[in-house]
C-alpha atoms as a PDB file:
ATOM      1  CA  MET A   1       0.000   0.000   0.000  1.00  0.00           C
ATOM      2  CA  LYS A   2       1.232   3.483  -0.879  1.00  0.00           C
ATOM      3  CA  LYS A   3       2.061   5.485   2.233  1.00  0.00           C
ATOM      4  CA  LEU A   4       1.236   9.050   3.184  1.00  0.00           C
ATOM      5  CA  HIS A   5       4.629  10.697   3.505  1.00  0.00           C
ATOM      6  CA  ARG A   6       3.651  14.241   4.483  1.00  0.00           C
ATOM      7  CA  ILE A   7       0.402  15.490   6.008  1.00  0.00           C
ATOM      8  CA  LEU A   8      -0.506  19.152   6.474  1.00  0.00           C
ATOM      9  CA  VAL A   9      -3.235  20.160   8.908  1.00  0.00           C
ATOM     10  CA  GLY A  10      -4.707  23.648   8.963  1.00  0.00           C
ATOM     11  CA  ILE A  11      -5.477  24.965  12.452  1.00  0.00           C
ATOM     12  CA  ASP A  12      -7.609  27.997  13.351  1.00  0.00           C
ATOM     13  CA  LEU A  13      -7.817  27.175  17.102  1.00  0.00           C
ATOM     14  CA  SER A  14     -11.503  26.241  16.787  1.00  0.00           C
ATOM     15  CA  PRO A  15     -12.932  23.000  18.253  1.00  0.00           C
ATOM     16  CA  HIS A  16     -13.384  21.692  14.717  1.00  0.00           C
ATOM     17  CA  SER A  17      -9.726  22.159  13.871  1.00  0.00           C
ATOM     18  CA  ARG A  18      -8.881  20.312  17.101  1.00  0.00           C
ATOM     19  CA  ASN A  19     -10.686  17.279  15.693  1.00  0.00           C
ATOM     20  CA  ALA A  20      -8.805  17.744  12.434  1.00  0.00           C
ATOM     21  CA  LEU A  21      -5.492  17.818  14.304  1.00  0.00           C
ATOM     22  CA  ARG A  22      -6.306  14.623  16.189  1.00  0.00           C
ATOM     23  CA  GLU A  23      -7.318  12.837  12.997  1.00  0.00           C
ATOM     24  CA  ALA A  24      -4.235  14.036  11.132  1.00  0.00           C
ATOM     25  CA  ALA A  25      -1.995  12.871  13.973  1.00  0.00           C
ATOM     26  CA  ARG A  26      -3.730   9.496  14.029  1.00  0.00           C
ATOM     27  CA  LEU A  27      -3.242   8.986  10.283  1.00  0.00           C
ATOM     28  CA  ALA A  28       0.359  10.199  10.429  1.00  0.00           C
ATOM     29  CA  ALA A  29       1.207   7.739  13.209  1.00  0.00           C
ATOM     30  CA  PHE A  30       0.179   4.751  11.082  1.00  0.00           C
ATOM     31  CA  ASP A  31       2.645   5.533   8.270  1.00  0.00           C
ATOM     32  CA  GLU A  32       5.096   7.479  10.454  1.00  0.00           C
ATOM     33  CA  SER A  33       4.339  10.410   8.173  1.00  0.00           C
ATOM     34  CA  ALA A  34       5.747  13.894   8.650  1.00  0.00           C
ATOM     35  CA  LEU A  35       3.020  16.069  10.173  1.00  0.00           C
ATOM     36  CA  ILE A  36       3.036  19.825   9.609  1.00  0.00           C
ATOM     37  CA  VAL A  37       0.654  22.030  11.584  1.00  0.00           C
ATOM     38  CA  LEU A  38      -0.082  25.417  10.028  1.00  0.00           C
ATOM     39  CA  HIS A  39      -1.890  28.236  11.811  1.00  0.00           C
ATOM     40  CA  VAL A  40      -2.699  31.207   9.595  1.00  0.00           C
ATOM     41  CA  VAL A  41      -3.458  34.591  11.127  1.00  0.00           C
ATOM     42  CA  GLU A  42      -5.130  37.321   9.100  1.00  0.00           C
ATOM     43  CA  GLN A  43      -3.031  40.462   8.774  1.00  0.00           C
ATOM     44  CA  THR A  44      -5.664  42.622  10.482  1.00  0.00           C
ATOM     45  CA  LEU A  45      -5.657  40.353  13.536  1.00  0.00           C
ATOM     46  CA  ALA A  46      -1.866  40.266  13.686  1.00  0.00           C
ATOM     47  CA  ASP A  47      -1.803  44.080  13.549  1.00  0.00           C
ATOM     48  CA  ALA A  48      -4.403  44.314  16.318  1.00  0.00           C
ATOM     49  CA  ILE A  49      -2.408  41.963  18.563  1.00  0.00           C
ATOM     50  CA  GLY A  50       0.746  43.935  17.945  1.00  0.00           C
ATOM     51  CA  GLN A  51      -0.899  47.255  18.745  1.00  0.00           C
ATOM     52  CA  SER A  52      -2.678  45.942  21.829  1.00  0.00           C
ATOM     53  CA  LEU A  53       0.373  44.245  23.339  1.00  0.00           C
ATOM     54  CA  LYS A  54       2.944  46.658  21.897  1.00  0.00           C
ATOM     55  CA  LEU A  55       4.747  43.866  20.039  1.00  0.00           C
ATOM     56  CA  ASP A  56       6.733  43.932  16.821  1.00  0.00           C
ATOM     57  CA  GLY A  57       6.276  41.334  14.065  1.00  0.00           C
ATOM     58  CA  PRO A  58       8.434  38.596  15.628  1.00  0.00           C
ATOM     59  CA  GLY A  59       6.847  39.314  19.005  1.00  0.00           C
ATOM     60  CA  VAL A  60       3.371  38.808  17.553  1.00  0.00           C
ATOM     61  CA  ILE A  61       4.432  35.470  16.046  1.00  0.00           C
ATOM     62  CA  ALA A  62       5.931  34.369  19.384  1.00  0.00           C
ATOM     63  CA  HIS A  63       2.732  35.340  21.205  1.00  0.00           C
ATOM     64  CA  ILE A  64       0.570  33.429  18.739  1.00  0.00           C
ATOM     65  CA  GLY A  65       2.986  30.497  18.946  1.00  0.00           C
ATOM     66  CA  LYS A  66       2.297  30.135  22.667  1.00  0.00           C
ATOM     67  CA  SER A  67      -1.443  29.929  21.985  1.00  0.00           C
ATOM     68  CA  LEU A  68      -0.803  27.316  19.308  1.00  0.00           C
ATOM     69  CA  GLN A  69       1.308  25.205  21.655  1.00  0.00           C
ATOM     70  CA  HIS A  70      -1.401  25.339  24.335  1.00  0.00           C
ATOM     71  CA  PHE A  71      -3.956  24.299  21.702  1.00  0.00           C
ATOM     72  CA  ILE A  72      -1.865  21.316  20.633  1.00  0.00           C
ATOM     73  CA  ALA A  73      -1.305  20.266  24.246  1.00  0.00           C
ATOM     74  CA  ASP A  74      -5.027  20.480  25.003  1.00  0.00           C
ATOM     75  CA  SER A  75      -5.676  18.309  21.944  1.00  0.00           C
ATOM     76  CA  GLY A  76      -3.659  15.471  23.452  1.00  0.00           C
ATOM     77  CA  VAL A  77      -1.307  15.328  20.458  1.00  0.00           C
ATOM     78  CA  ASP A  78       2.404  14.789  21.016  1.00  0.00           C
ATOM     79  CA  ALA A  79       4.044  18.049  19.899  1.00  0.00           C
ATOM     80  CA  ALA A  80       7.386  16.269  19.513  1.00  0.00           C
ATOM     81  CA  ASN A  81       6.076  14.426  16.461  1.00  0.00           C
ATOM     82  CA  LEU A  82       4.994  17.452  14.472  1.00  0.00           C
ATOM     83  CA  LYS A  83       6.322  20.658  12.973  1.00  0.00           C
ATOM     84  CA  CYS A  84       4.473  23.892  13.784  1.00  0.00           C
ATOM     85  CA  GLU A  85       4.339  26.839  11.421  1.00  0.00           C
ATOM     86  CA  ILE A  86       2.615  30.209  11.716  1.00  0.00           C
ATOM     87  CA  ALA A  87       1.871  32.415   8.724  1.00  0.00           C
ATOM     88  CA  VAL A  88       0.319  35.854   8.440  1.00  0.00           C
ATOM     89  CA  GLY A  89      -1.945  36.288   5.437  1.00  0.00           C
ATOM     90  CA  HIS A  90      -4.962  34.693   3.762  1.00  0.00           C
ATOM     91  CA  ALA A  91      -5.669  31.162   4.987  1.00  0.00           C
ATOM     92  CA  PHE A  92      -6.231  29.584   1.589  1.00  0.00           C
ATOM     93  CA  VAL A  93      -3.176  31.193   0.002  1.00  0.00           C
ATOM     94  CA  GLU A  94      -0.935  30.170   2.885  1.00  0.00           C
ATOM     95  CA  LEU A  95      -2.292  26.606   2.893  1.00  0.00           C
ATOM     96  CA  MET A  96      -1.509  26.351  -0.823  1.00  0.00           C
ATOM     97  CA  LYS A  97       2.011  27.707  -0.283  1.00  0.00           C
ATOM     98  CA  ALA A  98       2.673  25.222   2.503  1.00  0.00           C
ATOM     99  CA  SER A  99       1.216  22.343   0.476  1.00  0.00           C
ATOM    100  CA  LYS A 100       3.592  23.108  -2.378  1.00  0.00           C
ATOM    101  CA  LEU A 101       6.609  23.815  -0.177  1.00  0.00           C
ATOM    102  CA  HIS A 102       6.295  20.562   1.781  1.00  0.00           C
ATOM    103  CA  GLU A 103       4.952  18.516  -1.159  1.00  0.00           C
ATOM    104  CA  VAL A 104       2.194  17.149   1.049  1.00  0.00           C
ATOM    105  CA  ASP A 105       0.119  14.095   0.174  1.00  0.00           C
ATOM    106  CA  LEU A 106      -2.865  15.076   2.294  1.00  0.00           C
ATOM    107  CA  LEU A 107      -4.356  18.329   3.575  1.00  0.00           C
ATOM    108  CA  VAL A 108      -6.534  17.936   6.682  1.00  0.00           C
ATOM    109  CA  MET A 109      -8.884  20.585   8.036  1.00  0.00           C
ATOM    110  CA  GLY A 110     -12.031  21.020  10.054  1.00  0.00           C
ATOM    111  CA  SER A 111     -15.287  21.368   8.168  1.00  0.00           C
ATOM    112  CA  ARG A 112     -15.899  24.830   9.546  1.00  0.00           C
ATOM    113  CA  GLY A 113     -14.332  27.536  11.658  1.00  0.00           C
ATOM    114  CA  SER A 114     -15.679  29.063  14.822  1.00  0.00           C
ATOM    115  CA  GLN A 115     -17.493  31.771  12.854  1.00  0.00           C
ATOM    116  CA  HIS A 116     -19.699  29.371  10.907  1.00  0.00           C
ATOM    117  CA  GLY A 117     -23.090  28.091  11.936  1.00  0.00           C
ATOM    118  CA  PRO A 118     -23.998  24.480  12.810  1.00  0.00           C
ATOM    119  CA  GLY A 119     -23.855  22.120   9.847  1.00  0.00           C
ATOM    120  CA  SER A 120     -22.235  24.665   7.532  1.00  0.00           C
ATOM    121  CA  ILE A 121     -18.898  24.220   5.813  1.00  0.00           C
ATOM    122  CA  GLY A 122     -16.298  26.933   6.016  1.00  0.00           C
ATOM    123  CA  THR A 123     -15.350  28.885   2.918  1.00  0.00           C
ATOM    124  CA  ILE A 124     -11.715  27.803   3.170  1.00  0.00           C
ATOM    125  CA  ALA A 125     -12.638  24.100   3.298  1.00  0.00           C
ATOM    126  CA  THR A 126     -14.916  24.603   0.287  1.00  0.00           C
ATOM    127  CA  LYS A 127     -12.189  26.336  -1.671  1.00  0.00           C
ATOM    128  CA  CYS A 128      -9.626  23.649  -0.823  1.00  0.00           C
ATOM    129  CA  ILE A 129     -11.952  20.932  -2.113  1.00  0.00           C
ATOM    130  CA  ARG A 130     -12.286  22.833  -5.369  1.00  0.00           C
ATOM    131  CA  LYS A 131      -8.737  24.003  -5.898  1.00  0.00           C
ATOM    132  CA  ALA A 132      -6.122  22.514  -3.576  1.00  0.00           C
ATOM    133  CA  PRO A 133      -3.712  20.149  -5.386  1.00  0.00           C
ATOM    134  CA  PRO A 134      -3.379  17.608  -2.521  1.00  0.00           C
ATOM    135  CA  ASP A 135      -6.135  15.277  -1.465  1.00  0.00           C
ATOM    136  CA  VAL A 136      -8.281  17.001   1.153  1.00  0.00           C
ATOM    137  CA  LEU A 137      -9.734  15.416   4.278  1.00  0.00           C
ATOM    138  CA  VAL A 138     -12.502  17.554   5.765  1.00  0.00           C
ATOM    139  CA  VAL A 139     -13.183  16.393   9.320  1.00  0.00           C
ATOM    140  CA  LYS A 140     -16.718  16.903  10.544  1.00  0.00           C
ATOM    141  CA  GLU A 141     -17.401  18.158  14.016  1.00  0.00           C
ATOM    142  CA  ASP A 142     -17.381  15.499  16.760  1.00  0.00           C
ATOM    143  CA  ILE A 143     -16.070  12.804  14.414  1.00  0.00           C
ATOM    144  CA  THR A 144     -12.653  11.254  14.863  1.00  0.00           C
ATOM    145  CA  GLY A 145     -11.375   7.788  14.199  1.00  0.00           C
ATOM    146  CA  PRO A 146     -10.922   4.984  14.470  1.00  0.00           C
ATOM    147  CA  HIS A 147     -13.712   4.633  11.943  1.00  0.00           C
ATOM    148  CA  GLN A 148     -16.117   1.709  12.088  1.00  0.00           C
ATOM    149  CA  HIS A 149     -17.615   1.976   8.594  1.00  0.00           C
ATOM    150  CA  ILE A 150     -16.175   3.687   5.492  1.00  0.00           C
ATOM    151  CA  ILE A 151     -17.698   4.287   2.055  1.00  0.00           C
ATOM    152  CA  ALA A 152     -15.581   4.581  -1.101  1.00  0.00           C
ATOM    153  CA  CYS A 153     -17.505   6.126  -3.997  1.00  0.00           C
ATOM    154  CA  VAL A 154     -16.629   4.613  -7.372  1.00  0.00           C
ATOM    155  CA  ASP A 155     -17.292   5.787 -10.932  1.00  0.00           C
ATOM    156  CA  PHE A 156     -14.635   3.561 -12.601  1.00  0.00           C
ATOM    157  CA  SER A 157     -12.221   6.464 -13.106  1.00  0.00           C
ATOM    158  CA  GLU A 158      -8.564   6.450 -12.110  1.00  0.00           C
ATOM    159  CA  THR A 159      -9.381   9.064  -9.481  1.00  0.00           C
ATOM    160  CA  SER A 160     -12.016   6.884  -7.859  1.00  0.00           C
ATOM    161  CA  ALA A 161      -9.444   4.076  -7.839  1.00  0.00           C
ATOM    162  CA  LYS A 162      -7.204   6.417  -5.835  1.00  0.00           C
ATOM    163  CA  ALA A 163     -10.139   7.163  -3.521  1.00  0.00           C
ATOM    164  CA  LEU A 164     -10.694   3.445  -2.985  1.00  0.00           C
ATOM    165  CA  HIS A 165      -6.978   2.958  -2.330  1.00  0.00           C
ATOM    166  CA  LEU A 166      -7.045   5.540   0.460  1.00  0.00           C
ATOM    167  CA  ALA A 167     -10.309   4.164   1.852  1.00  0.00           C
ATOM    168  CA  ARG A 168      -8.724   0.718   2.006  1.00  0.00           C
ATOM    169  CA  ARG A 169      -5.634   2.109   3.733  1.00  0.00           C
ATOM    170  CA  ILE A 170      -7.694   3.788   6.464  1.00  0.00           C
ATOM    171  CA  ALA A 171     -10.038   0.824   6.814  1.00  0.00           C
ATOM    172  CA  GLU A 172      -7.083  -1.493   7.335  1.00  0.00           C
ATOM    173  CA  GLN A 173      -5.628   0.881   9.925  1.00  0.00           C
ATOM    174  CA  ASP A 174      -8.915   1.118  11.819  1.00  0.00           C
ATOM    175  CA  GLY A 175     -10.277  -2.381  11.284  1.00  0.00           C
ATOM    176  CA  ALA A 176     -13.314  -0.783   9.635  1.00  0.00           C
ATOM    177  CA  ALA A 177     -15.898  -2.227   7.284  1.00  0.00           C
ATOM    178  CA  LEU A 178     -15.611  -0.860   3.732  1.00  0.00           C
ATOM    179  CA  ASP A 179     -18.378  -0.423   1.149  1.00  0.00           C
ATOM    180  CA  CYS A 180     -17.496   0.372  -2.461  1.00  0.00           C
ATOM    181  CA  LEU A 181     -20.494   2.267  -3.797  1.00  0.00           C
ATOM    182  CA  TYR A 182     -21.485   2.964  -7.394  1.00  0.00           C
ATOM    183  CA  VAL A 183     -24.574   5.068  -8.142  1.00  0.00           C
ATOM    184  CA  ASP A 184     -26.275   4.291 -11.451  1.00  0.00           C
ATOM    185  CA  GLN A 185     -27.952   7.325 -13.024  1.00  0.00           C
ATOM    186  CA  SER A 186     -29.893   6.846 -16.256  1.00  0.00           C
ATOM    187  CA  ALA A 187     -29.684   9.525 -18.954  1.00  0.00           C
ATOM    188  CA  LEU A 188     -33.194  10.626 -18.022  1.00  0.00           C
ATOM    189  CA  ALA A 189     -32.215  10.846 -14.363  1.00  0.00           C
ATOM    190  CA  LEU A 190     -29.155  12.901 -15.216  1.00  0.00           C
ATOM    191  CA  ALA A 191     -31.190  15.434 -17.164  1.00  0.00           C
ATOM    192  CA  ALA A 192     -33.818  15.668 -14.430  1.00  0.00           C
ATOM    193  CA  ASP A 193     -31.201  16.001 -11.713  1.00  0.00           C
ATOM    194  CA  TYR A 194     -29.727  19.035 -13.426  1.00  0.00           C
ATOM    195  CA  GLY A 195     -32.977  20.812 -14.190  1.00  0.00           C
ATOM    196  CA  GLY A 196     -33.020  19.952 -17.853  1.00  0.00           C
ATOM    197  CA  TYR A 197     -29.807  21.885 -18.559  1.00  0.00           C
ATOM    198  CA  LEU A 198     -28.100  18.805 -19.937  1.00  0.00           C
ATOM    199  CA  PRO A 199     -28.821  17.782 -23.534  1.00  0.00           C
ATOM    200  CA  ALA A 200     -30.847  14.668 -24.282  1.00  0.00           C
ATOM    201  CA  LEU A 201     -28.650  11.601 -23.892  1.00  0.00           C
ATOM    202  CA  PRO A 202     -29.103   8.090 -25.235  1.00  0.00           C
ATOM    203  CA  VAL A 203     -29.729   5.330 -22.727  1.00  0.00           C
ATOM    204  CA  SER A 204     -26.784   2.934 -23.003  1.00  0.00           C
ATOM    205  CA  GLU A 205     -27.381  -0.760 -23.343  1.00  0.00           C
ATOM    206  CA  GLY A 206     -26.438  -3.091 -20.540  1.00  0.00           C
ATOM    207  CA  SER A 207     -26.822  -0.461 -17.850  1.00  0.00           C
ATOM    208  CA  SER A 208     -28.824  -2.701 -15.530  1.00  0.00           C
ATOM    209  CA  ALA A 209     -27.880  -3.062 -11.899  1.00  0.00           C
ATOM    210  CA  ALA A 210     -26.596  -6.578 -12.581  1.00  0.00           C
ATOM    211  CA  ALA A 211     -24.303  -5.348 -15.354  1.00  0.00           C
ATOM    212  CA  TRP A 212     -22.969  -2.520 -13.201  1.00  0.00           C
ATOM    213  CA  GLN A 213     -22.471  -4.949 -10.312  1.00  0.00           C
ATOM    214  CA  LYS A 214     -20.310  -7.127 -12.536  1.00  0.00           C
ATOM    215  CA  GLU A 215     -18.266  -4.129 -13.667  1.00  0.00           C
ATOM    216  CA  LEU A 216     -17.905  -2.904 -10.090  1.00  0.00           C
ATOM    217  CA  ASP A 217     -16.671  -6.305  -8.939  1.00  0.00           C
ATOM    218  CA  ALA A 218     -14.111  -6.357 -11.758  1.00  0.00           C
ATOM    219  CA  PHE A 219     -12.978  -2.806 -10.986  1.00  0.00           C
ATOM    220  CA  THR A 220     -12.450  -3.355  -7.270  1.00  0.00           C
ATOM    221  CA  GLU A 221     -10.921  -6.842  -7.440  1.00  0.00           C
ATOM    222  CA  PRO A 222      -7.304  -5.786  -8.160  1.00  0.00           C
ATOM    223  CA  LEU A 223      -7.599  -2.815  -5.808  1.00  0.00           C
ATOM    224  CA  MET A 224      -8.797  -4.965  -2.909  1.00  0.00           C
ATOM    225  CA  ARG A 225      -6.555  -7.960  -3.570  1.00  0.00           C
ATOM    226  CA  ASN A 226      -4.732  -9.215  -0.448  1.00  0.00           C
ATOM    227  CA  SER A 227      -6.642  -6.779   1.732  1.00  0.00           C
ATOM    228  CA  SER A 228      -6.841  -7.457   5.447  1.00  0.00           C
ATOM    229  CA  ILE A 229     -10.325  -5.900   5.657  1.00  0.00           C
ATOM    230  CA  SER A 230     -12.753  -8.435   7.084  1.00  0.00           C
ATOM    231  CA  GLN A 231     -15.966  -6.720   5.922  1.00  0.00           C
ATOM    232  CA  HIS A 232     -15.987  -5.505   2.326  1.00  0.00           C
ATOM    233  CA  ARG A 233     -18.998  -5.075   0.031  1.00  0.00           C
ATOM    234  CA  ASN A 234     -19.517  -3.829  -3.523  1.00  0.00           C
ATOM    235  CA  ILE A 235     -22.858  -2.041  -3.763  1.00  0.00           C
ATOM    236  CA  VAL A 236     -24.783  -0.615  -6.735  1.00  0.00           C
ATOM    237  CA  MET A 237     -27.611   1.845  -6.101  1.00  0.00           C
ATOM    238  CA  GLU A 238     -29.976   3.144  -8.793  1.00  0.00           C
ATOM    239  CA  ARG A 239     -30.882   6.741  -7.955  1.00  0.00           C
ATOM    240  CA  MET A 240     -31.457  10.066  -9.672  1.00  0.00           C
ATOM    241  CA  SER A 241     -29.069  11.923  -7.381  1.00  0.00           C
ATOM    242  CA  ILE A 242     -25.547  10.799  -6.534  1.00  0.00           C
ATOM    243  CA  ARG A 243     -25.533  13.015  -3.464  1.00  0.00           C
ATOM    244  CA  ASP A 244     -28.839  11.649  -2.150  1.00  0.00           C
ATOM    245  CA  ALA A 245     -27.739   8.070  -2.760  1.00  0.00           C
ATOM    246  CA  ILE A 246     -24.515   8.565  -0.843  1.00  0.00           C
ATOM    247  CA  MET A 247     -26.335  10.290   1.991  1.00  0.00           C
ATOM    248  CA  GLU A 248     -28.861   7.454   2.135  1.00  0.00           C
ATOM    249  CA  HIS A 249     -26.079   4.885   2.406  1.00  0.00           C
ATOM    250  CA  VAL A 250     -24.198   6.943   5.013  1.00  0.00           C
ATOM    251  CA  SER A 251     -27.343   7.029   7.118  1.00  0.00           C
ATOM    252  CA  ALA A 252     -28.079   3.326   6.677  1.00  0.00           C
ATOM    253  CA  THR A 253     -24.546   2.221   7.591  1.00  0.00           C
ATOM    254  CA  LYS A 254     -23.733   4.991  10.087  1.00  0.00           C
ATOM    255  CA  SER A 255     -20.510   5.560   8.182  1.00  0.00           C
ATOM    256  CA  THR A 256     -18.153   8.211   9.524  1.00  0.00           C
ATOM    257  CA  LEU A 257     -15.955   8.628   6.440  1.00  0.00           C
ATOM    258  CA  VAL A 258     -16.655   8.871   2.708  1.00  0.00           C
ATOM    259  CA  THR A 259     -13.898   8.936   0.094  1.00  0.00           C
ATOM    260  CA  LEU A 260     -14.573  10.098  -3.450  1.00  0.00           C
ATOM    261  CA  GLY A 261     -12.821  11.564  -6.461  1.00  0.00           C
ATOM    262  CA  THR A 262     -13.380  15.198  -7.329  1.00  0.00           C
ATOM    263  CA  ARG A 263     -13.361  14.484 -11.053  1.00  0.00           C
ATOM    264  CA  GLY A 264     -14.695  11.504 -12.955  1.00  0.00           C
ATOM    265  CA  LYS A 265     -14.079   9.473 -16.076  1.00  0.00           C
ATOM    266  CA  THR A 266     -15.765  11.524 -18.792  1.00  0.00           C
ATOM    267  CA  ASP A 267     -16.494  15.187 -19.455  1.00  0.00           C
ATOM    268  CA  LEU A 268     -20.107  14.671 -18.396  1.00  0.00           C
ATOM    269  CA  ARG A 269     -19.077  12.845 -15.251  1.00  0.00           C
ATOM    270  CA  SER A 270     -16.660  15.668 -14.481  1.00  0.00           C
ATOM    271  CA  LEU A 271     -19.652  17.989 -14.270  1.00  0.00           C
ATOM    272  CA  ILE A 272     -21.242  15.670 -11.755  1.00  0.00           C
ATOM    273  CA  MET A 273     -18.303  14.553  -9.644  1.00  0.00           C
ATOM    274  CA  GLY A 274     -16.715  17.977  -9.717  1.00  0.00           C
ATOM    275  CA  THR A 275     -19.571  19.303  -7.568  1.00  0.00           C
ATOM    276  CA  THR A 276     -20.531  16.172  -5.647  1.00  0.00           C
ATOM    277  CA  ALA A 277     -17.673  16.343  -3.135  1.00  0.00           C
ATOM    278  CA  GLU A 278     -18.633  19.855  -2.109  1.00  0.00           C
ATOM    279  CA  LYS A 279     -22.332  18.962  -1.898  1.00  0.00           C
ATOM    280  CA  ILE A 280     -21.575  15.917   0.226  1.00  0.00           C
ATOM    281  CA  VAL A 281     -19.443  17.900   2.665  1.00  0.00           C
ATOM    282  CA  ARG A 282     -22.220  20.446   3.035  1.00  0.00           C
ATOM    283  CA  HIS A 283     -24.835  17.826   3.918  1.00  0.00           C
ATOM    284  CA  ALA A 284     -23.058  14.728   5.227  1.00  0.00           C
ATOM    285  CA  PRO A 285     -22.927  13.942   8.957  1.00  0.00           C
ATOM    286  CA  CYS A 286     -19.494  12.419   8.348  1.00  0.00           C
ATOM    287  CA  SER A 287     -15.988  13.310   7.286  1.00  0.00           C
ATOM    288  CA  ILE A 288     -15.104  13.509   3.587  1.00  0.00           C
ATOM    289  CA  LEU A 289     -11.850  12.631   1.865  1.00  0.00           C
ATOM    290  CA  ALA A 290     -11.840  14.378  -1.525  1.00  0.00           C
ATOM    291  CA  VAL A 291      -9.245  12.791  -3.807  1.00  0.00           C
ATOM    292  CA  LYS A 292      -7.719  14.768  -6.672  1.00  0.00           C
ATOM    293  CA  PRO A 293      -6.812  13.374 -10.091  1.00  0.00           C
ATOM    294  CA  ASP A 294      -3.151  12.947 -11.016  1.00  0.00           C
ATOM    295  CA  GLY A 295      -1.746  16.168 -12.366  1.00  0.00           C
ATOM    296  CA  PHE A 296      -4.405  18.335 -10.739  1.00  0.00           C
ATOM    297  CA  GLU A 297      -3.245  21.954 -10.670  1.00  0.00           C
ATOM    298  CA  TYR A 298      -4.207  24.882  -8.490  1.00  0.00           C
ATOM    299  CA  HIS A 299      -6.207  27.513 -10.351  1.00  0.00           C
ATOM    300  CA  THR A 300      -6.410  31.034  -8.978  1.00  0.00           C
ATOM    301  CA  THR A 301      -9.936  31.674 -10.276  1.00  0.00           C
END
C-alpha cells in the first residue's frame, strides 16, 4: 500500500480544527508520516495583537505560537512528532504555499471555523476541495477515528481508484468495514437532476444493476486484492441523485468517512463529480476525503 509521507493540517484554534489535528496525527502515526501544523493569522488580527500588546512582528508570532502550543497540548497530540508553522496572510493562500513547499500528500482541516453556523462548511474548506492540489480530508465536528464503517464512492475512473486505495488504507488501519459504492444514473435521471440543462442523452445498453455490479466487482478486485479488511462489500444503487444516494447509504450504515474523487471518467461525469464532493461535505454527517486526479493543478480563479 502506498504510504502518506507528508500530512498538512490547517489549524484555526476552533474546536473543529482540534478534531482535524487529532485525525491528522492518528493517520500520520500509522505511516510514520511527517506532520506539519499550520496556523494562519489574518493580517488585520496580527496588527491588532501587535498594537494591543505593543509587540513587533516577531513578538506577535511568538505570542501566537504560545497559543498554538497550548492548543496542541489540550488536543492530546504529542508536539514532539509534528512541525508547527505560523503564517500571516490569507488562509487559503498560505495553505496552498505550505502544500507546495512541503509537497504534502494530504491536507486535513475542520469542516468549519468558529465563525460558521452548525452544519455549515467553512469557505476555506470549500475552496480547498475545489482548488487545492493535494487530497483534502474535511473532518466533521465530533467525528474522529478509528472509523467503524467507510464508504468509497466509485465511478470507474482512475481518481475513484485512488479514492478506494485511500479508503482501504484507512479501513485497514482502523479495522473498519468498507463499502465500495457505485450510483447508477440513467440519462433521463441525469437530465432531471440538473434541471433539464443537460442535452438529451441516449440510454446505453447493458446499464442494468446486474451489469454494473459485474463491472464494479471487476474494478475493485485488483484494488482490494490481499486486503486485510474483514468486511468488504460492492454495492450498486440506482438513484437520480448521486448526493442523495450517498447520503442514504451513510445514514443506513452509520458511516463516519466517505472517500470520493473530485473528477470523474468523462467530461459529463466531471460535471457531476466535480460538484458532488462539495455537496456531500455540506450535507453529510461524516468526514469527507476528496481525492484529486493525477496532475491536478491549483487555479487562482
